[in-house]
Amino acid sequence: PESGKQWYQRRVRGLFSFCLSRKMRRLLALFTVLVAVDATCQDIRRGYVCRKDCCSDEEEASLLDAATGRFHEKTTEDILDKLNHGHPEQFFFDLFYPDTPRYAVPPNVEAAAKKGSFSSEVMDFELTRKMGSNSFTSDLCKRTNVISDFIRATELKMGKSHAIYQAFVIADEIKKEILDFPLSDQCFEHVLFNGLFNTYSCNACGTEGVFPRMRTCTNLCENIVNGCYYVLTRVFAHDHNLFKESLVNLLKERAREERALLRNEISLYVTDQDIADGVACTGLPEYEVEYRLERLLAVPKLGRDYTLSRPFRMLLRSPEVLVPEFVPIQPNALNFCRHKGHLDGNTHCFNGHSLGSYPEEISPLTSAGQEKNRFKSFGGNAEHYAKLTIILDRMEQITNEMRYQGSV
């Protein structure tokens, strides 16, 4: 009879032979595939990397819809915030009537000044608010030396103020076009498949069922955002730098004037001849004419800058830094990538294909630079392009006006 040891050895040999059979090898292969699919394709959590063949068409469409809705909203948050503040309206009063309540400015005067028409009604209001009397608004008084000099200086200052105001008006129009500009489907595909919202990408694969947290490489993130708004860069980039430089120069000039007023470096005096001319044109006594003329030429007191709004004070202090924020031509890719956590560098990150490094540089925000951006896409239609062209023409006109005002 067979011993227990012999029986055990025979059973082991039989089991080993069965494992080597073709049928068992097929069963083992099928089991391995099932385990692998379960490890890499099941229970994939949002924010992790998955394989392309693990994403169904329905799931991919759902993720694309989510990216479509969120991307435009998130990239334009800062622009919408600045647009809601109504800076051009605020800056108009900072530029023209910083020490006068808004309700005290007549609507017809405000409308004329916004159009750049410094008519007699605008100058009459300026004389009246400065002197506290309308006795000096006659044509005879306006021909006197002191008042005619004041009117010429005021017209020059208002011309510069109007150019600055118009620059911020056109900047808000560009912001509105950025908000309304429809992006292309190709843009949203770049956003989804490169994980700009930390959603898992259907282009990469985890390792042995482990799906590391995905962070899009910094330069990749910025190139994708800039590429989505390629059309806006293409339209405005060429003239935008000159526009910004002209505005910065005018704001610097205004800041120097404000500092001179604060330090009482501007001194104007009333002469006996000025008083005599005022008496002749108004019929008022000498002491009242002298008082009114001194009010007209009075240097504002120290601390007058606090009558300016806080955003305008900041602009005067650092125009080179803040002007680009107030007059953008597309969303700030750096801000978006920072808020989404993609600014930790270009290594150990998702590069569009796998977890690794991204060697490409950020394409410059110029027409030529974005032309080489491989993530550029064409959004909008003929109607949007026509609007952009009209705005571009106005921006060029305002740039020319600012350059002229900066030279006089």
Protein backbone atom coordinates (compact mmCIF):
# COMPACT_ATOMS: atom_id res chain seq x y z
CA PRO A 1 0.00 0.00 0.00
CA GLU A 2 1.07 3.62 -0.67
CA SER A 3 2.55 5.43 2.28
CA GLY A 4 1.33 8.87 3.37
CA LYS A 5 4.53 10.53 2.18
CA GLN A 6 4.30 8.95 -1.25
CA TRP A 7 0.64 9.99 -1.58
CA TYR A 8 1.50 13.59 -0.71
CA GLN A 9 4.38 13.71 -3.22
CA ARG A 10 2.11 12.28 -5.97
CA ARG A 11 -0.58 14.90 -5.27
CA VAL A 12 1.94 17.76 -5.42
CA ARG A 13 3.30 16.51 -8.76
CA GLY A 14 -0.24 16.27 -10.15
CA LEU A 15 -1.13 19.77 -9.04
CA PHE A 16 2.08 21.14 -10.52
CA SER A 17 1.37 19.39 -13.85
CA PHE A 18 -2.15 20.90 -13.87
CA CYS A 19 -0.73 24.39 -13.24
CA LEU A 20 1.53 23.99 -16.25
CA SER A 21 -1.31 22.92 -18.53
CA ARG A 22 -2.61 25.32 -21.20
CA LYS A 23 -6.02 25.61 -19.54
CA MET A 24 -4.55 26.66 -16.21
CA ARG A 25 -2.23 29.17 -17.86
CA ARG A 26 -5.28 30.75 -19.55
CA LEU A 27 -7.12 30.91 -16.23
CA LEU A 28 -4.12 32.54 -14.55
CA ALA A 29 -3.82 35.12 -17.36
CA LEU A 30 -7.54 35.96 -17.15
CA PHE A 31 -7.31 36.30 -13.37
CA THR A 32 -4.29 38.61 -13.71
CA VAL A 33 -6.11 40.83 -16.22
CA LEU A 34 -9.16 41.09 -13.98
CA VAL A 35 -7.03 41.99 -10.97
CA ALA A 36 -5.15 44.62 -13.01
CA VAL A 37 -8.36 46.18 -14.34
CA ASP A 38 -9.77 46.25 -10.84
CA ALA A 39 -6.58 47.85 -9.53
CA THR A 40 -6.35 50.55 -12.18
CA CYS A 41 -9.87 51.21 -13.37
CA GLN A 42 -12.29 50.71 -10.52
CA ASP A 43 -13.14 53.24 -7.84
CA ILE A 44 -11.04 55.98 -9.47
CA ARG A 45 -11.44 59.08 -7.33
CA ARG A 46 -11.56 62.59 -8.71
CA GLY A 47 -8.15 64.20 -8.51
CA TYR A 48 -6.22 61.07 -9.38
CA VAL A 49 -4.62 59.81 -12.58
CA CYS A 50 -6.33 57.03 -14.57
CA ARG A 51 -5.73 55.15 -17.81
CA LYS A 52 -7.26 56.30 -21.08
CA ASP A 53 -9.10 53.03 -21.68
CA CYS A 54 -10.61 53.25 -18.20
CA CYS A 55 -12.63 56.34 -19.08
CA SER A 56 -15.90 55.73 -20.83
CA ASP A 57 -17.16 58.14 -23.45
CA GLU A 58 -19.93 59.26 -21.10
CA GLU A 59 -17.50 59.90 -18.27
CA GLU A 60 -15.15 61.82 -20.53
CA ALA A 61 -18.04 63.96 -21.85
CA SER A 62 -19.16 64.69 -18.31
CA LEU A 63 -15.67 65.79 -17.28
CA LEU A 64 -15.39 67.96 -20.39
CA ASP A 65 -18.69 69.68 -19.58
CA ALA A 66 -17.47 70.39 -16.05
CA ALA A 67 -14.21 71.87 -17.35
CA THR A 68 -16.12 73.98 -19.88
CA GLY A 69 -18.26 75.55 -17.17
CA ARG A 70 -15.51 76.13 -14.63
CA PHE A 71 -12.52 77.21 -16.66
CA HIS A 72 -13.90 80.46 -18.11
CA GLU A 73 -15.41 81.39 -14.74
CA LYS A 74 -12.24 80.75 -12.77
CA THR A 75 -9.84 82.43 -15.19
CA THR A 76 -11.94 85.62 -15.36
CA GLU A 77 -12.67 86.04 -11.64
CA ASP A 78 -10.20 88.91 -11.18
CA ILE A 79 -11.40 90.67 -14.33
CA LEU A 80 -15.05 90.44 -13.27
CA ASP A 81 -14.17 91.78 -9.82
CA LYS A 82 -12.45 94.86 -11.25
CA LEU A 83 -15.26 95.40 -13.74
CA ASN A 84 -17.84 95.36 -10.96
CA HIS A 85 -16.00 98.13 -9.10
CA GLY A 86 -16.76 100.68 -11.83
CA HIS A 87 -13.30 102.22 -11.76
CA PRO A 88 -13.74 104.60 -14.74
CA GLU A 89 -16.63 106.37 -13.01
CA GLN A 90 -14.68 106.55 -9.79
CA PHE A 91 -11.53 107.79 -11.50
CA PHE A 92 -13.46 110.47 -13.40
CA PHE A 93 -14.22 112.33 -10.17
CA ASP A 94 -10.68 111.72 -8.89
CA LEU A 95 -9.35 113.34 -12.04
CA PHE A 96 -11.78 116.22 -12.51
CA TYR A 97 -13.48 117.00 -9.19
CA PRO A 98 -11.58 115.32 -6.33
CA ASP A 99 -12.71 117.83 -3.69
CA THR A 100 -16.31 118.23 -4.87
CA PRO A 101 -19.17 115.88 -3.90
CA ARG A 102 -20.60 113.98 -6.84
CA TYR A 103 -24.10 115.31 -6.26
CA ALA A 104 -22.78 118.87 -6.60
CA VAL A 105 -21.58 118.35 -10.17
CA PRO A 106 -24.39 119.21 -12.65
CA PRO A 107 -25.24 116.35 -15.04
CA ASN A 108 -24.66 118.50 -18.13
CA VAL A 109 -21.21 119.49 -16.88
CA GLU A 110 -20.31 115.86 -16.09
CA ALA A 111 -21.51 114.68 -19.51
CA ALA A 112 -19.56 117.40 -21.34
CA ALA A 113 -16.35 116.66 -19.42
CA LYS A 114 -16.65 112.92 -20.12
CA LYS A 115 -16.93 113.70 -23.82
CA GLY A 116 -13.86 115.93 -23.66
CA SER A 117 -15.88 119.02 -24.52
CA PHE A 118 -14.66 121.75 -22.16
CA SER A 119 -17.35 124.22 -23.13
CA SER A 120 -18.28 127.47 -21.40
CA GLU A 121 -20.63 125.63 -19.05
CA VAL A 122 -17.76 123.42 -17.86
CA MET A 123 -15.50 126.44 -17.28
CA ASP A 124 -18.31 128.45 -15.67
CA PHE A 125 -18.86 125.64 -13.18
CA GLU A 126 -15.12 125.42 -12.53
CA LEU A 127 -14.91 129.16 -11.81
CA THR A 128 -18.02 129.09 -9.65
CA ARG A 129 -16.93 126.12 -7.53
CA LYS A 130 -13.41 127.50 -7.06
CA MET A 131 -14.43 131.09 -6.28
CA GLY A 132 -17.73 130.41 -4.53
CA SER A 133 -19.49 132.92 -6.77
CA ASN A 134 -20.75 133.17 -10.35
CA SER A 135 -19.90 136.85 -10.62
CA PHE A 136 -16.74 136.12 -12.63
CA THR A 137 -18.27 134.00 -15.41
CA SER A 138 -18.98 136.87 -17.80
CA ASP A 139 -17.02 137.19 -21.05
CA LEU A 140 -15.48 140.43 -19.78
CA CYS A 141 -14.06 138.73 -16.69
CA LYS A 142 -12.83 135.76 -18.68
CA ARG A 143 -10.69 138.14 -20.75
CA THR A 144 -8.78 139.37 -17.69
CA ASN A 145 -5.25 138.05 -17.33
CA VAL A 146 -5.75 136.09 -14.12
CA ILE A 147 -8.95 134.29 -15.20
CA SER A 148 -7.86 133.67 -18.80
CA ASP A 149 -4.61 132.12 -17.50
CA PHE A 150 -6.63 129.95 -15.11
CA ILE A 151 -8.93 128.79 -17.92
CA ARG A 152 -5.99 127.85 -20.18
CA ALA A 153 -4.30 125.92 -17.37
CA THR A 154 -7.57 124.20 -16.51
CA GLU A 155 -8.22 123.19 -20.11
CA LEU A 156 -4.72 121.72 -20.35
CA LYS A 157 -5.17 119.76 -17.13
CA MET A 158 -8.64 118.57 -18.13
CA GLY A 159 -7.29 117.40 -21.49
CA LYS A 160 -4.80 115.15 -19.71
CA SER A 161 -7.47 114.00 -17.25
CA HIS A 162 -9.83 113.16 -20.09
CA ALA A 163 -7.16 111.06 -21.84
CA ILE A 164 -6.56 109.07 -18.63
CA TYR A 165 -10.30 108.63 -18.09
CA GLN A 166 -10.81 107.38 -21.65
CA ALA A 167 -7.99 104.87 -21.20
CA PHE A 168 -9.83 103.27 -18.29
CA VAL A 169 -13.12 103.35 -20.20
CA ILE A 170 -11.63 101.40 -23.10
CA ALA A 171 -9.94 99.06 -20.60
CA ASP A 172 -13.37 98.19 -19.18
CA GLU A 173 -14.68 97.55 -22.69
CA ILE A 174 -11.82 95.10 -23.24
CA LYS A 175 -12.69 93.40 -19.93
CA LYS A 176 -16.30 92.96 -21.08
CA GLU A 177 -15.11 91.38 -24.32
CA ILE A 178 -12.87 89.01 -22.35
CA LEU A 179 -15.86 87.92 -20.28
CA ASP A 180 -18.08 87.47 -23.36
CA PHE A 181 -15.49 85.87 -25.62
CA PRO A 182 -16.44 82.21 -26.36
CA LEU A 183 -13.57 79.77 -26.06
CA SER A 184 -13.11 76.83 -28.41
CA ASP A 185 -13.77 73.16 -27.66
CA GLN A 186 -10.08 72.49 -28.27
CA CYS A 187 -9.24 74.81 -25.37
CA PHE A 188 -11.44 72.86 -22.97
CA GLU A 189 -9.95 69.57 -24.13
CA HIS A 190 -6.48 70.91 -23.31
CA VAL A 191 -7.77 71.99 -19.90
CA LEU A 192 -9.32 68.60 -19.13
CA PHE A 193 -6.64 66.27 -20.45
CA ASN A 194 -3.85 68.20 -18.75
CA GLY A 195 -5.55 68.29 -15.36
CA LEU A 196 -5.83 72.04 -14.79
CA PHE A 197 -8.62 71.42 -12.28
CA ASN A 198 -6.79 68.51 -10.67
CA THR A 199 -9.22 66.14 -12.38
CA TYR A 200 -7.77 62.81 -13.38
CA SER A 201 -6.51 62.64 -16.92
CA CYS A 202 -7.37 59.96 -19.44
CA ASN A 203 -3.87 60.21 -20.93
CA ALA A 204 -1.84 58.80 -18.01
CA CYS A 205 -1.74 55.63 -15.95
CA GLY A 206 -1.15 54.79 -12.30
CA THR A 207 1.54 52.33 -11.20
CA GLU A 208 0.40 49.03 -9.66
CA GLY A 209 -2.93 50.50 -8.73
CA VAL A 210 -1.38 53.54 -7.02
CA PHE A 211 -2.60 56.86 -8.39
CA PRO A 212 -0.50 59.79 -7.14
CA ARG A 213 -2.06 63.21 -6.69
CA MET A 214 -1.69 65.13 -9.92
CA ARG A 215 -0.27 68.67 -10.21
CA THR A 216 0.02 70.14 -13.68
CA CYS A 217 3.49 71.51 -14.46
CA THR A 218 3.73 75.29 -14.03
CA ASN A 219 4.74 76.24 -17.57
CA LEU A 220 2.23 73.80 -19.05
CA CYS A 221 -0.58 75.41 -17.04
CA GLU A 222 0.30 78.94 -18.14
CA ASN A 223 0.75 77.94 -21.78
CA ILE A 224 -2.69 76.32 -21.85
CA VAL A 225 -4.43 79.33 -20.28
CA ASN A 226 -2.68 81.77 -22.61
CA GLY A 227 -3.38 79.55 -25.60
CA CYS A 228 -7.11 79.53 -24.86
CA TYR A 229 -7.16 83.33 -25.21
CA TYR A 230 -4.82 83.37 -28.20
CA VAL A 231 -7.20 85.47 -30.34
CA LEU A 232 -7.30 88.30 -27.77
CA THR A 233 -3.52 88.36 -27.55
CA ARG A 234 -3.24 88.29 -31.31
CA VAL A 235 -5.56 91.32 -31.66
CA PHE A 236 -4.34 93.56 -28.82
CA ALA A 237 -0.75 92.59 -27.96
CA HIS A 238 0.97 94.68 -30.65
CA ASP A 239 -0.55 98.00 -29.50
CA HIS A 240 -1.05 97.16 -25.85
CA ASN A 241 2.47 97.97 -24.65
CA LEU A 242 2.42 101.46 -26.17
CA PHE A 243 -1.03 102.00 -24.66
CA LYS A 244 0.23 101.02 -21.20
CA GLU A 245 3.39 103.12 -21.48
CA SER A 246 1.43 106.21 -22.49
CA LEU A 247 -0.99 105.77 -19.59
CA VAL A 248 1.84 105.19 -17.10
CA ASN A 249 3.59 108.39 -18.26
CA LEU A 250 0.45 110.49 -17.80
CA LEU A 251 -0.16 109.02 -14.35
CA LYS A 252 3.44 109.75 -13.36
CA GLU A 253 2.98 113.35 -14.48
CA ARG A 254 -0.21 113.59 -12.46
CA ALA A 255 1.56 112.10 -9.44
CA ARG A 256 4.35 114.70 -9.69
CA GLU A 257 1.72 117.43 -9.78
CA GLU A 258 -0.05 116.01 -6.72
CA ARG A 259 3.23 115.82 -4.80
CA ALA A 260 4.04 119.42 -5.77
CA LEU A 261 0.67 120.53 -4.44
CA LEU A 262 1.21 118.62 -1.22
CA ARG A 263 4.56 120.31 -0.67
CA ASN A 264 3.19 123.76 -1.56
CA GLU A 265 5.75 124.04 -4.33
CA ILE A 266 3.18 125.81 -6.53
CA SER A 267 2.60 129.41 -5.46
CA LEU A 268 0.32 131.84 -7.28
CA TYR A 269 -0.26 135.43 -6.17
CA VAL A 270 -2.92 138.03 -6.83
CA THR A 271 -1.59 141.36 -8.08
CA ASP A 272 -3.10 144.82 -7.77
CA GLN A 273 -3.81 144.80 -11.50
CA ASP A 274 -5.74 141.53 -11.14
CA ILE A 275 -7.88 143.10 -8.43
CA ALA A 276 -8.51 146.21 -10.50
CA ASP A 277 -9.54 144.09 -13.49
CA GLY A 278 -11.89 142.09 -11.28
CA VAL A 279 -13.52 145.22 -9.90
CA ALA A 280 -13.99 146.56 -13.41
CA CYS A 281 -15.67 143.42 -14.77
CA THR A 282 -17.86 142.63 -11.75
CA GLY A 283 -18.51 145.91 -9.94
CA LEU A 284 -17.73 144.21 -6.63
CA PRO A 285 -15.68 145.96 -3.92
CA GLU A 286 -11.93 145.41 -3.87
CA TYR A 287 -11.86 143.31 -0.70
CA GLU A 288 -14.39 140.81 -2.12
CA VAL A 289 -12.61 140.59 -5.50
CA GLU A 290 -9.32 139.95 -3.72
CA TYR A 291 -10.94 137.22 -1.60
CA ARG A 292 -12.50 135.51 -4.65
CA LEU A 293 -9.30 135.63 -6.68
CA GLU A 294 -7.30 134.21 -3.76
CA ARG A 295 -9.76 131.33 -3.61
CA LEU A 296 -9.29 130.78 -7.33
CA LEU A 297 -5.50 130.61 -7.02
CA ALA A 298 -5.37 128.93 -3.64
CA VAL A 299 -3.00 125.97 -3.29
CA PRO A 300 -4.82 122.94 -1.82
CA LYS A 301 -3.96 122.15 1.78
CA LEU A 302 -1.70 119.32 2.86
CA GLY A 303 -3.44 115.96 2.93
CA ARG A 304 -5.61 116.65 -0.09
CA ASP A 305 -4.67 113.25 -1.53
CA TYR A 306 -7.08 111.67 0.93
CA THR A 307 -9.93 113.14 -1.09
CA LEU A 308 -8.87 110.73 -3.83
CA SER A 309 -10.20 107.19 -3.90
CA ARG A 310 -7.91 104.48 -2.61
CA PRO A 311 -7.47 102.70 -6.00
CA PHE A 312 -6.50 105.98 -7.65
CA ARG A 313 -3.99 106.81 -4.91
CA MET A 314 -2.43 103.38 -5.43
CA LEU A 315 -2.26 103.99 -9.18
CA LEU A 316 -0.45 107.29 -8.66
CA ARG A 317 2.05 105.67 -6.31
CA SER A 318 2.89 102.60 -8.44
CA PRO A 319 1.57 103.06 -11.99
CA GLU A 320 4.05 100.61 -13.56
CA VAL A 321 2.83 97.82 -11.28
CA LEU A 322 -0.91 98.49 -11.25
CA VAL A 323 -1.67 99.68 -14.78
CA PRO A 324 -1.28 96.14 -16.25
CA GLU A 325 -3.83 94.90 -13.71
CA PHE A 326 -6.36 97.60 -14.62
CA VAL A 327 -5.91 97.27 -18.41
CA PRO A 328 -5.54 93.54 -19.18
CA ILE A 329 -6.00 92.04 -22.63
CA GLN A 330 -6.63 88.51 -21.32
CA PRO A 331 -6.93 86.70 -17.97
CA ASN A 332 -3.82 86.44 -15.81
CA ALA A 333 -2.56 82.88 -16.31
CA LEU A 334 -0.14 83.22 -13.39
CA ASN A 335 -2.97 83.99 -10.95
CA PHE A 336 -5.07 81.09 -12.16
CA CYS A 337 -2.20 78.59 -11.92
CA ARG A 338 -1.30 79.90 -8.47
CA HIS A 339 -4.84 79.50 -7.13
CA LYS A 340 -5.09 76.00 -8.57
CA GLY A 341 -1.81 74.90 -7.03
CA HIS A 342 0.19 74.49 -10.23
CA LEU A 343 3.09 76.82 -9.34
CA ASP A 344 5.50 74.41 -7.67
CA GLY A 345 7.76 74.01 -10.68
CA ASN A 346 8.18 71.86 -13.75
CA THR A 347 9.46 68.64 -12.22
CA HIS A 348 7.59 65.83 -10.45
CA CYS A 349 4.39 67.04 -12.10
CA PHE A 350 1.97 66.00 -14.82
CA ASN A 351 3.43 67.06 -18.18
CA GLY A 352 0.47 66.15 -20.37
CA HIS A 353 1.52 62.51 -20.81
CA SER A 354 2.88 61.20 -17.54
CA LEU A 355 4.24 62.24 -14.18
CA GLY A 356 7.67 63.73 -14.81
CA SER A 357 9.11 67.03 -16.01
CA TYR A 358 8.02 69.68 -18.53
CA PRO A 359 10.98 71.17 -20.44
CA GLU A 360 9.19 73.85 -22.49
CA GLU A 361 9.31 77.54 -21.62
CA ILE A 362 6.31 79.84 -21.20
CA SER A 363 5.40 81.35 -24.57
CA PRO A 364 5.68 85.18 -24.38
CA LEU A 365 2.45 87.18 -24.35
CA THR A 366 3.12 88.71 -27.74
CA SER A 367 1.63 88.00 -31.14
CA ALA A 368 4.80 86.22 -32.27
CA GLY A 369 5.23 84.44 -28.94
CA GLN A 370 1.71 83.03 -28.83
CA GLU A 371 1.94 82.04 -32.48
CA LYS A 372 4.44 79.39 -31.33
CA ASN A 373 2.25 78.24 -28.42
CA ARG A 374 1.18 74.72 -29.37
CA PHE A 375 -1.90 75.05 -27.14
CA LYS A 376 -3.31 78.04 -29.02
CA SER A 377 -6.93 77.72 -30.07
CA PHE A 378 -9.33 79.88 -32.05
CA GLY A 379 -12.46 80.90 -30.21
CA GLY A 380 -15.13 83.44 -31.15
CA ASN A 381 -16.77 84.16 -34.48
CA ALA A 382 -17.00 86.94 -37.06
CA GLU A 383 -19.22 89.06 -34.83
CA HIS A 384 -16.73 88.93 -31.95
CA TYR A 385 -13.82 89.69 -34.27
CA ALA A 386 -15.65 92.78 -35.57
CA LYS A 387 -16.15 94.03 -31.99
CA LEU A 388 -12.49 93.46 -31.17
CA THR A 389 -11.45 95.42 -34.26
CA ILE A 390 -13.61 98.40 -33.24
CA ILE A 391 -12.15 98.36 -29.73
CA LEU A 392 -8.63 98.10 -31.15
CA ASP A 393 -9.22 101.19 -33.31
CA ARG A 394 -10.43 103.13 -30.28
CA MET A 395 -7.47 101.97 -28.24
CA GLU A 396 -5.11 103.28 -30.93
CA GLN A 397 -6.91 106.65 -30.97
CA ILE A 398 -6.71 106.96 -27.19
CA THR A 399 -3.03 105.98 -27.26
CA ASN A 400 -2.35 108.77 -29.73
CA GLU A 401 -4.27 111.22 -27.55
CA MET A 402 -2.33 110.20 -24.44
CA ARG A 403 0.96 110.57 -26.28
CA TYR A 404 -0.07 114.04 -27.43
CA GLN A 405 -1.18 115.07 -23.94
CA GLY A 406 2.07 113.77 -22.53
CA SER A 407 4.02 116.03 -24.90
CA VAL A 408 2.22 119.30 -24.09
